[in-house]
C-alpha atoms as a PDB file:
ATOM      1  CA  MET A   1       9.672 -15.377  20.226  1.00  0.00           C
ATOM      2  CA  SER A   2       9.893 -12.888  17.425  1.00  0.00           C
ATOM      3  CA  ALA A   3      10.315 -13.453  13.727  1.00  0.00           C
ATOM      4  CA  GLY A   4       9.490  -9.856  12.811  1.00  0.00           C
ATOM      5  CA  ALA A   5      11.383  -6.633  13.089  1.00  0.00           C
ATOM      6  CA  ALA A   6      11.697  -5.252  16.580  1.00  0.00           C
ATOM      7  CA  PRO A   7       9.582  -2.163  17.140  1.00  0.00           C
ATOM      8  CA  GLY A   8      11.337   1.152  17.564  1.00  0.00           C
ATOM      9  CA  GLY A   9      11.538   2.952  20.847  1.00  0.00           C
ATOM     10  CA  PRO A  10       9.110   5.680  21.872  1.00  0.00           C
ATOM     11  CA  PRO A  11       9.611   9.132  20.362  1.00  0.00           C
ATOM     12  CA  SER A  12      11.400  11.763  22.421  1.00  0.00           C
ATOM     13  CA  TRP A  13       9.346  14.519  24.066  1.00  0.00           C
ATOM     14  CA  ARG A  14       8.980  17.882  22.337  1.00  0.00           C
ATOM     15  CA  ARG A  15       7.121  21.112  23.073  1.00  0.00           C
ATOM     16  CA  VAL A  16       3.344  20.718  22.718  1.00  0.00           C
ATOM     17  CA  HIS A  17       1.601  23.573  20.912  1.00  0.00           C
ATOM     18  CA  SER A  18      -2.045  22.552  20.682  1.00  0.00           C
ATOM     19  CA  ARG A  19      -4.617  20.320  22.275  1.00  0.00           C
ATOM     20  CA  ARG A  20      -4.652  18.104  19.180  1.00  0.00           C
ATOM     21  CA  GLU A  21      -0.884  17.657  19.335  1.00  0.00           C
ATOM     22  CA  TRP A  22      -1.101  16.990  23.061  1.00  0.00           C
ATOM     23  CA  LEU A  23      -3.579  14.203  22.481  1.00  0.00           C
ATOM     24  CA  ALA A  24      -1.653  12.755  19.587  1.00  0.00           C
ATOM     25  CA  LEU A  25       1.522  12.626  21.659  1.00  0.00           C
ATOM     26  CA  LEU A  26       0.148  11.447  24.968  1.00  0.00           C
ATOM     27  CA  ALA A  27      -2.810   9.232  24.166  1.00  0.00           C
ATOM     28  CA  ALA A  28      -2.070   5.666  25.202  1.00  0.00           C
ATOM     29  CA  GLY A  29      -5.326   3.882  25.936  1.00  0.00           C
ATOM     30  CA  ALA A  30      -6.106   3.991  29.640  1.00  0.00           C
ATOM     31  CA  THR A  31      -2.488   4.353  30.662  1.00  0.00           C
ATOM     32  CA  ALA A  32      -0.894   7.086  32.698  1.00  0.00           C
ATOM     33  CA  VAL A  33       1.638   9.245  30.867  1.00  0.00           C
ATOM     34  CA  ARG A  34       3.996  11.765  32.461  1.00  0.00           C
ATOM     35  CA  ALA A  35       3.317  15.182  30.940  1.00  0.00           C
ATOM     36  CA  PRO A  36       6.007  17.854  30.501  1.00  0.00           C
ATOM     37  CA  ALA A  37       5.228  21.482  31.260  1.00  0.00           C
ATOM     38  CA  ALA A  38       4.969  23.902  28.331  1.00  0.00           C
ATOM     39  CA  GLN A  39       4.653  27.693  28.331  1.00  0.00           C
ATOM     40  CA  ASP A  40       1.704  27.740  25.958  1.00  0.00           C
ATOM     41  CA  GLN A  41      -0.290  25.137  27.919  1.00  0.00           C
ATOM     42  CA  PRO A  42      -1.844  25.304  31.406  1.00  0.00           C
ATOM     43  CA  THR A  43       1.017  25.036  33.878  1.00  0.00           C
ATOM     44  CA  PHE A  44       1.542  21.538  35.281  1.00  0.00           C
ATOM     45  CA  SER A  45       4.504  20.167  37.157  1.00  0.00           C
ATOM     46  CA  THR A  46       6.671  17.559  35.491  1.00  0.00           C
ATOM     47  CA  GLU A  47       5.033  15.002  37.798  1.00  0.00           C
ATOM     48  CA  VAL A  48       1.573  15.458  36.276  1.00  0.00           C
ATOM     49  CA  LYS A  49       0.307  12.260  34.655  1.00  0.00           C
ATOM     50  CA  VAL A  50      -2.441  12.371  32.078  1.00  0.00           C
ATOM     51  CA  VAL A  51      -4.637   9.275  31.944  1.00  0.00           C
ATOM     52  CA  ASN A  52      -6.351   8.747  28.607  1.00  0.00           C
ATOM     53  CA  VAL A  53      -9.487   6.671  28.191  1.00  0.00           C
ATOM     54  CA  PHE A  54     -10.971   5.649  24.848  1.00  0.00           C
ATOM     55  CA  ALA A  55     -14.684   4.916  24.720  1.00  0.00           C
ATOM     56  CA  THR A  56     -17.491   3.960  22.368  1.00  0.00           C
ATOM     57  CA  VAL A  57     -21.079   4.908  23.175  1.00  0.00           C
ATOM     58  CA  ARG A  58     -24.105   3.011  21.897  1.00  0.00           C
ATOM     59  CA  THR A  59     -27.848   2.965  22.278  1.00  0.00           C
ATOM     60  CA  LYS A  60     -29.437  -0.101  23.821  1.00  0.00           C
ATOM     61  CA  THR A  61     -30.105  -1.355  20.301  1.00  0.00           C
ATOM     62  CA  GLY A  62     -26.409  -1.098  19.386  1.00  0.00           C
ATOM     63  CA  GLU A  63     -26.370   2.118  17.350  1.00  0.00           C
ATOM     64  CA  ILE A  64     -23.126   4.083  17.782  1.00  0.00           C
ATOM     65  CA  ILE A  65     -23.546   7.621  19.138  1.00  0.00           C
ATOM     66  CA  ARG A  66     -21.043  10.092  17.689  1.00  0.00           C
ATOM     67  CA  ASN A  67     -22.246  13.546  18.799  1.00  0.00           C
ATOM     68  CA  LEU A  68     -21.586  13.662  22.555  1.00  0.00           C
ATOM     69  CA  THR A  69     -19.609  16.429  24.247  1.00  0.00           C
ATOM     70  CA  LYS A  70     -17.320  16.444  27.268  1.00  0.00           C
ATOM     71  CA  ASP A  71     -20.210  17.548  29.483  1.00  0.00           C
ATOM     72  CA  ASP A  72     -22.153  14.406  28.584  1.00  0.00           C
ATOM     73  CA  PHE A  73     -19.642  12.207  30.438  1.00  0.00           C
ATOM     74  CA  VAL A  74     -19.060  11.464  34.114  1.00  0.00           C
ATOM     75  CA  LEU A  75     -15.710   9.880  34.991  1.00  0.00           C
ATOM     76  CA  LEU A  76     -14.866   8.257  38.325  1.00  0.00           C
ATOM     77  CA  GLU A  77     -11.533   6.909  39.531  1.00  0.00           C
ATOM     78  CA  ASN A  78     -11.823   4.611  42.552  1.00  0.00           C
ATOM     79  CA  GLY A  79     -15.270   6.122  43.078  1.00  0.00           C
ATOM     80  CA  ARG A  80     -14.067   9.750  43.069  1.00  0.00           C
ATOM     81  CA  PRO A  81     -15.266  12.169  40.346  1.00  0.00           C
ATOM     82  CA  GLN A  82     -12.480  13.376  38.048  1.00  0.00           C
ATOM     83  CA  GLU A  83     -12.320  16.456  35.849  1.00  0.00           C
ATOM     84  CA  ILE A  84     -12.122  15.617  32.152  1.00  0.00           C
ATOM     85  CA  ARG A  85      -9.378  17.969  30.959  1.00  0.00           C
ATOM     86  CA  TYR A  86      -8.969  16.749  27.402  1.00  0.00           C
ATOM     87  CA  PHE A  87     -11.691  15.588  25.064  1.00  0.00           C
ATOM     88  CA  SER A  88     -11.839  14.634  21.418  1.00  0.00           C
ATOM     89  CA  ARG A  89     -14.356  12.810  19.298  1.00  0.00           C
ATOM     90  CA  ASP A  90     -12.275  12.447  16.169  1.00  0.00           C
ATOM     91  CA  SER A  91     -10.162   9.484  15.138  1.00  0.00           C
ATOM     92  CA  ASP A  92      -7.092  11.437  14.081  1.00  0.00           C
ATOM     93  CA  LEU A  93      -4.827   9.819  16.672  1.00  0.00           C
ATOM     94  CA  PRO A  94      -2.316   7.186  15.507  1.00  0.00           C
ATOM     95  CA  LEU A  95      -3.619   3.621  15.615  1.00  0.00           C
ATOM     96  CA  THR A  96      -1.628   0.483  16.414  1.00  0.00           C
ATOM     97  CA  ILE A  97      -3.343  -2.838  15.715  1.00  0.00           C
ATOM     98  CA  GLY A  98      -2.188  -6.203  16.966  1.00  0.00           C
ATOM     99  CA  LEU A  99      -3.714  -9.017  14.909  1.00  0.00           C
ATOM    100  CA  LEU A 100      -3.567 -12.224  16.975  1.00  0.00           C
ATOM    101  CA  VAL A 101      -4.530 -15.288  14.936  1.00  0.00           C
ATOM    102  CA  ASP A 102      -5.194 -18.737  16.389  1.00  0.00           C
ATOM    103  CA  THR A 103      -3.437 -21.219  14.087  1.00  0.00           C
ATOM    104  CA  SER A 104      -4.012 -24.322  16.207  1.00  0.00           C
ATOM    105  CA  LEU A 105      -5.381 -27.479  14.588  1.00  0.00           C
ATOM    106  CA  SER A 106      -8.990 -26.609  15.481  1.00  0.00           C
ATOM    107  CA  GLN A 107      -8.800 -23.518  13.233  1.00  0.00           C
ATOM    108  CA  GLY A 108      -7.499 -25.225  10.099  1.00  0.00           C
ATOM    109  CA  ARG A 109     -10.747 -25.071   8.121  1.00  0.00           C
ATOM    110  CA  VAL A 110     -11.534 -21.423   8.899  1.00  0.00           C
ATOM    111  CA  LEU A 111      -8.050 -19.981   8.474  1.00  0.00           C
ATOM    112  CA  GLU A 112      -8.403 -19.122   4.792  1.00  0.00           C
ATOM    113  CA  GLU A 113     -11.500 -17.002   5.390  1.00  0.00           C
ATOM    114  CA  GLU A 114      -9.729 -15.273   8.277  1.00  0.00           C
ATOM    115  CA  ARG A 115      -6.743 -14.418   6.071  1.00  0.00           C
ATOM    116  CA  GLY A 116      -8.787 -12.681   3.395  1.00  0.00           C
ATOM    117  CA  ALA A 117     -11.016 -10.748   5.780  1.00  0.00           C
ATOM    118  CA  SER A 118      -8.059  -9.713   7.934  1.00  0.00           C
ATOM    119  CA  TYR A 119      -6.153  -8.240   5.021  1.00  0.00           C
ATOM    120  CA  ARG A 120      -9.177  -6.302   3.754  1.00  0.00           C
ATOM    121  CA  PHE A 121      -9.683  -4.900   7.255  1.00  0.00           C
ATOM    122  CA  LEU A 122      -6.064  -3.789   7.662  1.00  0.00           C
ATOM    123  CA  ASP A 123      -6.010  -2.374   4.139  1.00  0.00           C
ATOM    124  CA  GLN A 124      -9.070  -0.228   4.849  1.00  0.00           C
ATOM    125  CA  VAL A 125      -8.199   0.872   8.388  1.00  0.00           C
ATOM    126  CA  LEU A 126      -4.456   1.580   8.362  1.00  0.00           C
ATOM    127  CA  ARG A 127      -3.604   5.078   7.145  1.00  0.00           C
ATOM    128  CA  GLU A 128      -0.326   5.542   5.289  1.00  0.00           C
ATOM    129  CA  ASN A 129       2.546   6.997   7.340  1.00  0.00           C
ATOM    130  CA  LYS A 130       0.367   7.105  10.451  1.00  0.00           C
ATOM    131  CA  ASP A 131      -0.918   3.695  11.564  1.00  0.00           C
ATOM    132  CA  GLN A 132       0.847   0.374  12.090  1.00  0.00           C
ATOM    133  CA  ALA A 133       0.034  -3.267  12.696  1.00  0.00           C
ATOM    134  CA  VAL A 134       1.755  -6.356  14.039  1.00  0.00           C
ATOM    135  CA  ILE A 135       0.748  -9.932  13.170  1.00  0.00           C
ATOM    136  CA  VAL A 136       1.050 -12.694  15.762  1.00  0.00           C
ATOM    137  CA  GLN A 137       0.143 -16.340  15.368  1.00  0.00           C
ATOM    138  CA  PHE A 138      -0.364 -18.667  18.292  1.00  0.00           C
ATOM    139  CA  ASP A 139      -0.764 -22.415  18.587  1.00  0.00           C
ATOM    140  CA  GLN A 140       1.695 -24.453  20.676  1.00  0.00           C
ATOM    141  CA  ALA A 141       3.981 -21.411  20.458  1.00  0.00           C
ATOM    142  CA  VAL A 142       3.571 -17.647  20.176  1.00  0.00           C
ATOM    143  CA  VAL A 143       5.295 -16.198  17.119  1.00  0.00           C
ATOM    144  CA  ILE A 144       5.420 -12.544  16.093  1.00  0.00           C
ATOM    145  CA  ARG A 145       5.318 -13.176  12.352  1.00  0.00           C
ATOM    146  CA  GLN A 146       5.401  -9.521  11.340  1.00  0.00           C
ATOM    147  CA  GLY A 147       6.751  -6.760  13.555  1.00  0.00           C
ATOM    148  CA  LEU A 148       5.201  -3.317  13.543  1.00  0.00           C
ATOM    149  CA  THR A 149       4.805  -1.992  10.027  1.00  0.00           C
ATOM    150  CA  GLY A 150       2.634   0.326   8.022  1.00  0.00           C
ATOM    151  CA  SER A 151       3.336  -1.564   4.799  1.00  0.00           C
ATOM    152  CA  HIS A 152       0.151  -3.101   3.453  1.00  0.00           C
ATOM    153  CA  LYS A 153       2.164  -5.395   1.195  1.00  0.00           C
ATOM    154  CA  ASP A 154       4.237  -6.771   4.074  1.00  0.00           C
ATOM    155  CA  LEU A 155       1.067  -7.438   6.054  1.00  0.00           C
ATOM    156  CA  GLN A 156      -0.576  -9.206   3.115  1.00  0.00           C
ATOM    157  CA  ASP A 157       2.524 -11.325   2.513  1.00  0.00           C
ATOM    158  CA  THR A 158       2.678 -12.310   6.178  1.00  0.00           C
ATOM    159  CA  LEU A 159      -0.991 -13.256   6.325  1.00  0.00           C
ATOM    160  CA  SER A 160      -0.507 -15.548   3.341  1.00  0.00           C
ATOM    161  CA  LEU A 161       2.133 -17.477   5.293  1.00  0.00           C
ATOM    162  CA  LEU A 162      -0.029 -18.232   8.329  1.00  0.00           C
ATOM    163  CA  ASP A 163      -0.785 -21.926   8.631  1.00  0.00           C
ATOM    164  CA  THR A 164      -1.667 -24.600  11.162  1.00  0.00           C
ATOM    165  CA  PRO A 165       1.043 -26.928  12.528  1.00  0.00           C
ATOM    166  CA  SER A 166       2.324 -29.650  10.236  1.00  0.00           C
ATOM    167  CA  ALA A 167       1.680 -33.308  11.040  1.00  0.00           C
ATOM    168  CA  GLU A 168       5.213 -33.615  12.400  1.00  0.00           C
ATOM    169  CA  GLN A 169       4.809 -30.545  14.597  1.00  0.00           C
ATOM    170  CA  ALA A 170       1.464 -31.830  15.854  1.00  0.00           C
ATOM    171  CA  ARG A 171       3.071 -35.122  16.891  1.00  0.00           C
ATOM    172  CA  ASN A 172       5.478 -33.163  19.072  1.00  0.00           C
ATOM    173  CA  GLY A 173       2.607 -31.653  21.020  1.00  0.00           C
ATOM    174  CA  SER A 174      -0.327 -29.337  20.600  1.00  0.00           C
ATOM    175  CA  GLY A 175      -1.461 -26.150  22.235  1.00  0.00           C
ATOM    176  CA  THR A 176      -3.405 -22.914  21.942  1.00  0.00           C
ATOM    177  CA  LEU A 177      -1.476 -20.268  23.869  1.00  0.00           C
ATOM    178  CA  LEU A 178      -4.115 -17.544  23.730  1.00  0.00           C
ATOM    179  CA  TYR A 179      -3.333 -15.949  27.098  1.00  0.00           C
ATOM    180  CA  ASP A 180       0.416 -16.039  26.488  1.00  0.00           C
ATOM    181  CA  ALA A 181      -0.084 -14.370  23.090  1.00  0.00           C
ATOM    182  CA  VAL A 182      -2.026 -11.461  24.601  1.00  0.00           C
ATOM    183  CA  ARG A 183       0.532 -10.933  27.354  1.00  0.00           C
ATOM    184  CA  GLU A 184       3.624 -11.273  25.170  1.00  0.00           C
ATOM    185  CA  THR A 185       2.353  -8.872  22.521  1.00  0.00           C
ATOM    186  CA  SER A 186       1.195  -6.397  25.174  1.00  0.00           C
ATOM    187  CA  ILE A 187       4.647  -6.303  26.759  1.00  0.00           C
ATOM    188  CA  LYS A 188       6.856  -6.524  23.674  1.00  0.00           C
ATOM    189  CA  ILE A 189       4.851  -4.304  21.342  1.00  0.00           C
ATOM    190  CA  MET A 190       1.974  -2.322  22.792  1.00  0.00           C
ATOM    191  CA  ARG A 191       3.428  -0.800  25.950  1.00  0.00           C
ATOM    192  CA  SER A 192       5.873   1.351  24.013  1.00  0.00           C
ATOM    193  CA  GLN A 193       3.288   2.677  21.544  1.00  0.00           C
ATOM    194  CA  ASN A 194       1.383   5.961  21.797  1.00  0.00           C
ATOM    195  CA  GLY A 195      -2.086   6.710  20.470  1.00  0.00           C
ATOM    196  CA  ARG A 196      -4.971   4.299  20.096  1.00  0.00           C
ATOM    197  CA  LYS A 197      -4.160   0.617  20.504  1.00  0.00           C
ATOM    198  CA  ALA A 198      -6.284  -2.440  19.788  1.00  0.00           C
ATOM    199  CA  PHE A 199      -5.928  -6.194  19.554  1.00  0.00           C
ATOM    200  CA  ILE A 200      -8.018  -8.176  17.088  1.00  0.00           C
ATOM    201  CA  VAL A 201      -8.100 -11.775  18.348  1.00  0.00           C
ATOM    202  CA  LEU A 202      -9.352 -14.500  15.996  1.00  0.00           C
ATOM    203  CA  THR A 203      -9.887 -17.751  17.902  1.00  0.00           C
ATOM    204  CA  ASP A 204     -12.401 -20.259  19.243  1.00  0.00           C
ATOM    205  CA  GLY A 205     -11.419 -19.037  22.702  1.00  0.00           C
ATOM    206  CA  VAL A 206     -10.102 -22.319  24.071  1.00  0.00           C
ATOM    207  CA  ASP A 207      -6.718 -21.796  25.714  1.00  0.00           C
ATOM    208  CA  PHE A 208      -4.545 -24.861  26.127  1.00  0.00           C
ATOM    209  CA  GLY A 209      -1.034 -24.714  27.534  1.00  0.00           C
ATOM    210  CA  SER A 210      -0.521 -21.052  28.453  1.00  0.00           C
ATOM    211  CA  GLN A 211       1.824 -20.314  31.330  1.00  0.00           C
ATOM    212  CA  ILE A 212      -0.470 -17.591  32.670  1.00  0.00           C
ATOM    213  CA  SER A 213      -4.155 -17.199  33.520  1.00  0.00           C
ATOM    214  CA  LEU A 214      -6.912 -15.250  31.792  1.00  0.00           C
ATOM    215  CA  THR A 215      -6.694 -12.647  34.563  1.00  0.00           C
ATOM    216  CA  ASP A 216      -2.979 -12.204  33.864  1.00  0.00           C
ATOM    217  CA  ALA A 217      -3.666 -11.718  30.159  1.00  0.00           C
ATOM    218  CA  ILE A 218      -6.326  -9.093  30.856  1.00  0.00           C
ATOM    219  CA  GLU A 219      -4.016  -7.225  33.224  1.00  0.00           C
ATOM    220  CA  ALA A 220      -1.243  -7.198  30.617  1.00  0.00           C
ATOM    221  CA  ALA A 221      -3.552  -5.650  28.012  1.00  0.00           C
ATOM    222  CA  GLN A 222      -4.844  -3.108  30.533  1.00  0.00           C
ATOM    223  CA  ARG A 223      -1.326  -2.079  31.543  1.00  0.00           C
ATOM    224  CA  ALA A 224      -0.541  -1.551  27.865  1.00  0.00           C
ATOM    225  CA  GLY A 225      -3.713   0.522  27.386  1.00  0.00           C
ATOM    226  CA  THR A 226      -4.921  -1.819  24.661  1.00  0.00           C
ATOM    227  CA  LEU A 227      -8.544  -2.558  23.790  1.00  0.00           C
ATOM    228  CA  VAL A 228      -9.206  -6.183  22.875  1.00  0.00           C
ATOM    229  CA  TYR A 229     -11.702  -7.080  20.146  1.00  0.00           C
ATOM    230  CA  CYS A 230     -12.432 -10.803  20.190  1.00  0.00           C
ATOM    231  CA  ILE A 231     -13.888 -12.669  17.221  1.00  0.00           C
ATOM    232  CA  LEU A 232     -15.124 -16.146  18.091  1.00  0.00           C
ATOM    233  CA  PHE A 233     -14.713 -18.243  14.956  1.00  0.00           C
ATOM    234  CA  SER A 234     -15.138 -21.945  15.618  1.00  0.00           C
ATOM    235  CA  ASP A 235     -15.211 -24.961  13.336  1.00  0.00           C
ATOM    236  CA  GLU A 236     -18.121 -26.977  14.700  1.00  0.00           C
ATOM    237  CA  SER A 237     -17.098 -30.058  12.745  1.00  0.00           C
ATOM    238  CA  TYR A 238     -13.791 -30.184  14.623  1.00  0.00           C
ATOM    239  CA  TYR A 239     -15.749 -30.647  17.838  1.00  0.00           C
ATOM    240  CA  GLY A 240     -18.168 -33.188  16.428  1.00  0.00           C
ATOM    241  CA  GLY A 241     -20.773 -30.640  15.394  1.00  0.00           C
ATOM    242  CA  HIS A 242     -21.521 -29.573  18.959  1.00  0.00           C
ATOM    243  CA  LEU A 243     -19.847 -26.451  20.295  1.00  0.00           C
ATOM    244  CA  SER A 244     -20.901 -27.344  23.818  1.00  0.00           C
ATOM    245  CA  ILE A 245     -18.518 -30.289  23.968  1.00  0.00           C
ATOM    246  CA  GLY A 246     -15.618 -28.321  22.570  1.00  0.00           C
ATOM    247  CA  PRO A 247     -15.126 -24.610  23.000  1.00  0.00           C
ATOM    248  CA  SER A 248     -15.924 -22.955  26.289  1.00  0.00           C
ATOM    249  CA  GLY A 249     -14.420 -19.873  24.741  1.00  0.00           C
ATOM    250  CA  LYS A 250     -17.436 -17.573  24.604  1.00  0.00           C
ATOM    251  CA  GLY A 251     -17.233 -16.627  28.274  1.00  0.00           C
ATOM    252  CA  VAL A 252     -13.451 -16.261  28.070  1.00  0.00           C
ATOM    253  CA  LEU A 253     -13.590 -13.922  25.098  1.00  0.00           C
ATOM    254  CA  LYS A 254     -16.469 -11.867  26.480  1.00  0.00           C
ATOM    255  CA  ARG A 255     -14.505 -11.241  29.654  1.00  0.00           C
ATOM    256  CA  LEU A 256     -11.285 -10.443  27.788  1.00  0.00           C
ATOM    257  CA  ALA A 257     -13.101  -7.921  25.596  1.00  0.00           C
ATOM    258  CA  GLY A 258     -15.339  -6.466  28.280  1.00  0.00           C
ATOM    259  CA  GLU A 259     -12.667  -5.749  30.883  1.00  0.00           C
ATOM    260  CA  THR A 260     -10.356  -4.057  28.381  1.00  0.00           C
ATOM    261  CA  GLY A 261     -12.998  -1.859  26.755  1.00  0.00           C
ATOM    262  CA  GLY A 262     -13.062  -3.745  23.455  1.00  0.00           C
ATOM    263  CA  GLY A 263     -15.849  -5.810  21.930  1.00  0.00           C
ATOM    264  CA  TYR A 264     -16.970  -9.407  21.502  1.00  0.00           C
ATOM    265  CA  PHE A 265     -18.235 -10.807  18.200  1.00  0.00           C
ATOM    266  CA  GLU A 266     -19.203 -14.260  17.005  1.00  0.00           C
ATOM    267  CA  VAL A 267     -19.055 -15.616  13.468  1.00  0.00           C
ATOM    268  CA  LYS A 268     -22.296 -17.447  12.762  1.00  0.00           C
ATOM    269  CA  ARG A 269     -24.927 -17.869  10.094  1.00  0.00           C
ATOM    270  CA  GLY A 270     -25.731 -14.421   8.738  1.00  0.00           C
ATOM    271  CA  GLN A 271     -22.700 -12.836  10.411  1.00  0.00           C
ATOM    272  CA  SER A 272     -19.444 -13.362   8.516  1.00  0.00           C
ATOM    273  CA  VAL A 273     -15.984 -12.432   9.733  1.00  0.00           C
ATOM    274  CA  ALA A 274     -15.892  -9.732   7.034  1.00  0.00           C
ATOM    275  CA  GLN A 275     -19.091  -8.169   8.399  1.00  0.00           C
ATOM    276  CA  ILE A 276     -17.661  -8.243  11.911  1.00  0.00           C
ATOM    277  CA  TYR A 277     -14.521  -6.490  10.733  1.00  0.00           C
ATOM    278  CA  GLN A 278     -16.723  -3.750   9.266  1.00  0.00           C
ATOM    279  CA  GLU A 279     -18.367  -3.257  12.663  1.00  0.00           C
ATOM    280  CA  ILE A 280     -14.979  -3.010  14.362  1.00  0.00           C
ATOM    281  CA  GLU A 281     -13.805  -0.500  11.756  1.00  0.00           C
ATOM    282  CA  ASP A 282     -16.893   1.657  12.373  1.00  0.00           C
ATOM    283  CA  GLU A 283     -16.237   1.526  16.104  1.00  0.00           C
ATOM    284  CA  LEU A 284     -12.580   2.509  15.801  1.00  0.00           C
ATOM    285  CA  ARG A 285     -13.604   5.512  13.711  1.00  0.00           C
ATOM    286  CA  SER A 286     -16.184   6.607  16.296  1.00  0.00           C
ATOM    287  CA  GLN A 287     -14.250   6.574  19.554  1.00  0.00           C
ATOM    288  CA  TYR A 288     -14.136   9.354  22.109  1.00  0.00           C
ATOM    289  CA  SER A 289     -10.820  10.232  23.735  1.00  0.00           C
ATOM    290  CA  LEU A 290     -10.988  11.575  27.287  1.00  0.00           C
ATOM    291  CA  GLY A 291      -7.994  12.655  29.359  1.00  0.00           C
ATOM    292  CA  PHE A 292      -7.831  13.391  33.075  1.00  0.00           C
ATOM    293  CA  VAL A 293      -5.254  14.062  35.771  1.00  0.00           C
ATOM    294  CA  SER A 294      -6.010  12.101  38.924  1.00  0.00           C
ATOM    295  CA  ASP A 295      -6.575  14.041  42.129  1.00  0.00           C
ATOM    296  CA  GLN A 296      -5.173  11.059  44.046  1.00  0.00           C
ATOM    297  CA  PRO A 297      -1.341  10.998  44.225  1.00  0.00           C
ATOM    298  CA  VAL A 298       0.336   7.762  43.172  1.00  0.00           C
ATOM    299  CA  ARG A 299       2.238   6.550  46.225  1.00  0.00           C
ATOM    300  CA  SER A 300       2.579   2.983  45.000  1.00  0.00           C
ATOM    301  CA  SER A 301       2.047   1.402  41.592  1.00  0.00           C
ATOM    302  CA  GLY A 302      -1.161  -0.532  41.044  1.00  0.00           C
ATOM    303  CA  PHE A 303      -4.496  -0.745  39.285  1.00  0.00           C
ATOM    304  CA  ARG A 304      -7.181   1.881  39.832  1.00  0.00           C
ATOM    305  CA  LYS A 305     -10.850   1.396  39.013  1.00  0.00           C
ATOM    306  CA  LEU A 306     -12.468   3.500  36.317  1.00  0.00           C
ATOM    307  CA  SER A 307     -16.139   4.185  35.710  1.00  0.00           C
ATOM    308  CA  LEU A 308     -17.210   6.160  32.661  1.00  0.00           C
ATOM    309  CA  LYS A 309     -20.888   6.913  32.099  1.00  0.00           C
ATOM    310  CA  THR A 310     -23.053   9.441  30.304  1.00  0.00           C
ATOM    311  CA  VAL A 311     -25.671  11.721  31.784  1.00  0.00           C
ATOM    312  CA  ARG A 312     -27.943  10.905  28.870  1.00  0.00           C
ATOM    313  CA  LYS A 313     -30.411   8.148  29.611  1.00  0.00           C
ATOM    314  CA  GLY A 314     -30.484   4.971  27.574  1.00  0.00           C
ATOM    315  CA  LEU A 315     -26.857   5.077  26.419  1.00  0.00           C
ATOM    316  CA  LEU A 316     -24.201   2.450  27.128  1.00  0.00           C
ATOM    317  CA  VAL A 317     -20.509   3.317  27.434  1.00  0.00           C
ATOM    318  CA  GLN A 318     -17.898   0.780  26.343  1.00  0.00           C
ATOM    319  CA  ALA A 319     -14.518   1.478  27.988  1.00  0.00           C
ATOM    320  CA  THR A 320     -11.911  -0.229  30.135  1.00  0.00           C
ATOM    321  CA  ASP A 321     -12.834  -0.567  33.805  1.00  0.00           C
ATOM    322  CA  ARG A 322      -9.374   0.186  35.233  1.00  0.00           C
ATOM    323  CA  TYR A 323      -5.874   1.381  34.450  1.00  0.00           C
ATOM    324  CA  TYR A 324      -2.408   0.869  35.912  1.00  0.00           C
ATOM    325  CA  ALA A 325      -1.029   3.849  37.836  1.00  0.00           C
ATOM    326  CA  GLU A 326       2.749   3.895  38.130  1.00  0.00           C
ATOM    327  CA  THR A 327       4.936   5.867  40.514  1.00  0.00           C
END
């Protein structure tokens, strides 16, 4: 359910005059977008669909590589090589961030640190009149606390209101609807947005009570073209000082991040949530945007596998492994 303002509908199409404008208008994660023909662009039919893929490239030691060109990449769709028609290595595209915060009882002692670090991250990353964010809390319910906004003050005010369930609410039942939160925000918010899209998920990774599976949540994010960055932040004392008897969330979050092209991070000694946010910020500012038009007609809607690699040895590409092709 939503307590925030409903997001606006997608902008209407207009004539595209440059490659930069084309990317800014059409980029939508790894989602297929119908492209209109324009006289000052290569001639495509109105049925052409541009698929955009966002990627981060690192060395084996984790250093981000920022100087690759289009010719350094090899892109496969269902095993077939695809021509990369559009390429950019700047971060000028609009950015939509979905901040998903676990407010279940197990997160009570870490919530204050999450609030402060989250606001500093949004304050540094969101550009005025260009980027937006939505704030969602999840425990035994999923609540969109702040609809899409570019207002830093509104985001700060909303973060200050996040809290764990009261004693009375806890008596009525508990839950951690992680999977439901990813799916609901993907459908209600992210699908209609253009540009770069990313979830930041703060949780211990233990889902309890969702109506859907982890696979369903991943598919929802993929269909919305949204990268998922997972931050595992667990209160060991809540689980008796032994994470092994409580959270099994590490594997869950690694899969959620890996299959959507995002990243997995873990708050631990020597690695604060603020430091992790800095790493995510660096990554978002260093993404490559690649666009292709599939040579395989879409006869029925469904997922298609993607493989993006570089011809340079020793480099690792972080990108989603599939996208949803619609008729």
